[in-house]
Amino acid sequence: MSDGPRASDIGQVLPLVEAVLERPTQEMLTRARRWLERGNNNEDTQPEELFAFIPRTLRTAHARREGLLLLTARG
């Protein structure tokens, strides 16, 4: 497991993350829908919300001069 971006890294990665996740491709949306349809109480979540979450969180961390720890789960 690696550490998430440090406060000093956030400003560098934010434009790249925004460029990718704020305009998800059709393939990204299809995969997200497939993942959401698996259940886990995700029925009301839209795929676009998933892709907007990380840039929004990075912007908040950058504004606060904080780092960020990202965790993912597979199952």
N, C-alpha and C. Protein backbone atom coordinates (compact mmCIF):
# COMPACT_ATOMS: atom_id res chain seq x y z
N MET A 1 0.85 -1.18 0.00
CA MET A 1 0.00 0.00 0.00
C MET A 1 0.89 1.23 0.00
N SER A 2 0.58 2.19 -0.85
CA SER A 2 1.36 3.41 -0.88
C SER A 2 0.58 4.54 -0.23
N ASP A 3 1.31 5.55 0.19
CA ASP A 3 0.68 6.72 0.77
C ASP A 3 -0.04 7.49 -0.31
N GLY A 4 -1.04 8.24 0.07
CA GLY A 4 -1.72 9.11 -0.85
C GLY A 4 -0.89 10.36 -1.07
N PRO A 5 -1.37 11.26 -1.90
CA PRO A 5 -0.63 12.49 -2.16
C PRO A 5 -0.44 13.31 -0.89
N ARG A 6 0.77 13.85 -0.71
CA ARG A 6 1.05 14.76 0.39
C ARG A 6 0.51 16.13 0.01
N ALA A 7 0.43 17.01 1.00
CA ALA A 7 -0.07 18.36 0.74
C ALA A 7 0.71 19.03 -0.39
N SER A 8 2.02 18.81 -0.44
CA SER A 8 2.84 19.44 -1.48
C SER A 8 2.59 18.85 -2.86
N ASP A 9 2.03 17.65 -2.93
CA ASP A 9 1.76 16.99 -4.21
C ASP A 9 0.40 17.34 -4.79
N ILE A 10 -0.53 17.75 -3.95
CA ILE A 10 -1.91 17.94 -4.38
C ILE A 10 -2.01 18.91 -5.55
N GLY A 11 -1.36 20.06 -5.46
CA GLY A 11 -1.43 21.05 -6.52
C GLY A 11 -0.89 20.56 -7.84
N GLN A 12 0.06 19.62 -7.78
CA GLN A 12 0.64 19.08 -9.01
C GLN A 12 -0.28 18.07 -9.68
N VAL A 13 -0.94 17.23 -8.89
CA VAL A 13 -1.77 16.17 -9.48
C VAL A 13 -3.19 16.63 -9.80
N LEU A 14 -3.64 17.69 -9.14
CA LEU A 14 -5.02 18.12 -9.31
C LEU A 14 -5.41 18.40 -10.77
N PRO A 15 -4.64 19.17 -11.53
CA PRO A 15 -5.04 19.40 -12.93
C PRO A 15 -5.12 18.12 -13.76
N LEU A 16 -4.23 17.19 -13.50
CA LEU A 16 -4.25 15.92 -14.24
C LEU A 16 -5.48 15.10 -13.88
N VAL A 17 -5.78 15.03 -12.60
CA VAL A 17 -6.94 14.27 -12.15
C VAL A 17 -8.23 14.90 -12.69
N GLU A 18 -8.31 16.22 -12.61
CA GLU A 18 -9.49 16.90 -13.14
C GLU A 18 -9.66 16.63 -14.63
N ALA A 19 -8.59 16.67 -15.36
CA ALA A 19 -8.66 16.45 -16.82
C ALA A 19 -9.22 15.07 -17.16
N VAL A 20 -8.87 14.08 -16.36
CA VAL A 20 -9.33 12.72 -16.64
C VAL A 20 -10.71 12.45 -16.07
N LEU A 21 -10.92 12.80 -14.81
CA LEU A 21 -12.14 12.38 -14.13
C LEU A 21 -13.32 13.31 -14.31
N GLU A 22 -13.10 14.55 -14.66
CA GLU A 22 -14.24 15.43 -14.83
C GLU A 22 -14.88 15.29 -16.21
N ARG A 23 -14.24 14.56 -17.08
CA ARG A 23 -14.81 14.26 -18.40
C ARG A 23 -14.66 12.76 -18.67
N PRO A 24 -15.37 11.94 -17.90
CA PRO A 24 -15.21 10.49 -18.07
C PRO A 24 -15.63 10.04 -19.46
N THR A 25 -14.89 9.08 -19.98
CA THR A 25 -15.23 8.51 -21.28
C THR A 25 -16.45 7.61 -21.15
N GLN A 26 -17.01 7.25 -22.27
CA GLN A 26 -18.15 6.34 -22.24
C GLN A 26 -17.76 5.00 -21.61
N GLU A 27 -16.55 4.54 -21.90
CA GLU A 27 -16.08 3.28 -21.30
C GLU A 27 -16.00 3.40 -19.78
N MET A 28 -15.50 4.51 -19.28
CA MET A 28 -15.41 4.71 -17.83
C MET A 28 -16.81 4.71 -17.21
N LEU A 29 -17.76 5.38 -17.85
CA LEU A 29 -19.13 5.42 -17.34
C LEU A 29 -19.77 4.03 -17.36
N THR A 30 -19.53 3.29 -18.43
CA THR A 30 -20.09 1.93 -18.53
C THR A 30 -19.54 1.05 -17.42
N ARG A 31 -18.24 1.11 -17.18
CA ARG A 31 -17.65 0.31 -16.10
C ARG A 31 -18.18 0.72 -14.74
N ALA A 32 -18.34 2.02 -14.54
CA ALA A 32 -18.86 2.50 -13.26
C ALA A 32 -20.29 2.02 -13.06
N ARG A 33 -21.11 2.08 -14.11
CA ARG A 33 -22.49 1.60 -14.00
C ARG A 33 -22.53 0.11 -13.64
N ARG A 34 -21.65 -0.65 -14.29
CA ARG A 34 -21.57 -2.08 -14.01
C ARG A 34 -21.22 -2.31 -12.54
N TRP A 35 -20.28 -1.55 -12.03
CA TRP A 35 -19.86 -1.68 -10.63
C TRP A 35 -21.00 -1.30 -9.70
N LEU A 36 -21.70 -0.21 -10.01
CA LEU A 36 -22.80 0.25 -9.17
C LEU A 36 -23.95 -0.74 -9.17
N GLU A 37 -24.17 -1.42 -10.29
CA GLU A 37 -25.27 -2.37 -10.38
C GLU A 37 -25.03 -3.64 -9.57
N ARG A 38 -23.83 -3.81 -9.06
CA ARG A 38 -23.53 -4.99 -8.24
C ARG A 38 -24.22 -4.93 -6.88
N GLY A 39 -24.73 -3.79 -6.52
CA GLY A 39 -25.43 -3.68 -5.23
C GLY A 39 -24.68 -2.80 -4.25
N ASN A 40 -24.56 -3.28 -3.03
CA ASN A 40 -23.91 -2.53 -1.95
C ASN A 40 -24.58 -1.19 -1.70
N ASN A 41 -25.89 -1.12 -1.87
CA ASN A 41 -26.66 0.10 -1.63
C ASN A 41 -26.21 1.27 -2.50
N ASN A 42 -25.80 0.99 -3.71
CA ASN A 42 -25.34 2.03 -4.63
C ASN A 42 -26.39 2.40 -5.68
N GLU A 43 -27.59 1.91 -5.54
CA GLU A 43 -28.60 2.09 -6.59
C GLU A 43 -28.88 3.56 -6.90
N ASP A 44 -28.77 4.44 -5.92
CA ASP A 44 -29.09 5.85 -6.13
C ASP A 44 -27.88 6.68 -6.57
N THR A 45 -26.72 6.08 -6.64
CA THR A 45 -25.51 6.79 -7.01
C THR A 45 -25.34 6.81 -8.52
N GLN A 46 -25.09 7.98 -9.07
CA GLN A 46 -24.85 8.12 -10.50
C GLN A 46 -23.35 7.99 -10.76
N PRO A 47 -22.96 7.39 -11.88
CA PRO A 47 -21.54 7.23 -12.19
C PRO A 47 -20.77 8.55 -12.16
N GLU A 48 -21.40 9.60 -12.62
CA GLU A 48 -20.73 10.90 -12.63
C GLU A 48 -20.33 11.34 -11.22
N GLU A 49 -21.12 10.95 -10.22
CA GLU A 49 -20.79 11.29 -8.83
C GLU A 49 -19.48 10.63 -8.41
N LEU A 50 -19.24 9.42 -8.87
CA LEU A 50 -18.00 8.73 -8.53
C LEU A 50 -16.79 9.49 -9.07
N PHE A 51 -16.90 9.95 -10.31
CA PHE A 51 -15.78 10.63 -10.94
C PHE A 51 -15.58 12.05 -10.42
N ALA A 52 -16.63 12.67 -9.92
CA ALA A 52 -16.52 14.03 -9.38
C ALA A 52 -15.96 14.03 -7.97
N PHE A 53 -16.09 12.92 -7.26
CA PHE A 53 -15.68 12.85 -5.86
C PHE A 53 -14.19 13.10 -5.66
N ILE A 54 -13.34 12.45 -6.42
CA ILE A 54 -11.89 12.57 -6.20
C ILE A 54 -11.39 13.98 -6.51
N PRO A 55 -11.73 14.58 -7.66
CA PRO A 55 -11.27 15.97 -7.87
C PRO A 55 -11.78 16.93 -6.79
N ARG A 56 -13.03 16.75 -6.39
CA ARG A 56 -13.60 17.62 -5.35
C ARG A 56 -12.83 17.46 -4.05
N THR A 57 -12.50 16.24 -3.70
CA THR A 57 -11.75 15.97 -2.48
C THR A 57 -10.34 16.53 -2.56
N LEU A 58 -9.71 16.39 -3.72
CA LEU A 58 -8.37 16.96 -3.91
C LEU A 58 -8.39 18.48 -3.81
N ARG A 59 -9.42 19.12 -4.38
CA ARG A 59 -9.52 20.58 -4.27
C ARG A 59 -9.66 21.02 -2.82
N THR A 60 -10.46 20.28 -2.04
CA THR A 60 -10.62 20.59 -0.62
C THR A 60 -9.30 20.42 0.12
N ALA A 61 -8.61 19.31 -0.13
CA ALA A 61 -7.32 19.08 0.53
C ALA A 61 -6.31 20.16 0.14
N HIS A 62 -6.31 20.56 -1.12
CA HIS A 62 -5.38 21.59 -1.58
C HIS A 62 -5.69 22.93 -0.89
N ALA A 63 -6.96 23.29 -0.81
CA ALA A 63 -7.34 24.54 -0.16
C ALA A 63 -6.96 24.55 1.32
N ARG A 64 -7.03 23.40 1.96
CA ARG A 64 -6.69 23.29 3.38
C ARG A 64 -5.21 23.01 3.62
N ARG A 65 -4.45 22.83 2.53
CA ARG A 65 -3.03 22.46 2.62
C ARG A 65 -2.84 21.17 3.41
N GLU A 66 -3.69 20.22 3.09
CA GLU A 66 -3.64 18.92 3.73
C GLU A 66 -3.24 17.86 2.70
N GLY A 67 -2.87 16.69 3.18
CA GLY A 67 -2.62 15.55 2.31
C GLY A 67 -3.91 14.78 2.13
N LEU A 68 -3.80 13.64 1.50
CA LEU A 68 -4.98 12.84 1.23
C LEU A 68 -4.60 11.37 1.24
N LEU A 69 -5.40 10.56 1.88
CA LEU A 69 -5.21 9.12 1.87
C LEU A 69 -6.36 8.51 1.09
N LEU A 70 -6.04 7.79 0.03
CA LEU A 70 -7.05 7.14 -0.79
C LEU A 70 -7.05 5.63 -0.51
N LEU A 71 -8.21 5.08 -0.30
CA LEU A 71 -8.36 3.65 -0.10
C LEU A 71 -9.31 3.12 -1.16
N THR A 72 -9.03 1.94 -1.62
CA THR A 72 -9.95 1.31 -2.57
C THR A 72 -10.31 -0.06 -2.04
N ALA A 73 -11.46 -0.53 -2.46
CA ALA A 73 -11.90 -1.87 -2.06
C ALA A 73 -12.31 -2.63 -3.30
N ARG A 74 -12.12 -3.89 -3.24
CA ARG A 74 -12.51 -4.73 -4.35
C ARG A 74 -13.32 -5.88 -3.79
N GLY A 75 -14.42 -6.16 -4.42
CA GLY A 75 -15.20 -7.25 -3.87
C GLY A 75 -16.50 -7.43 -4.55
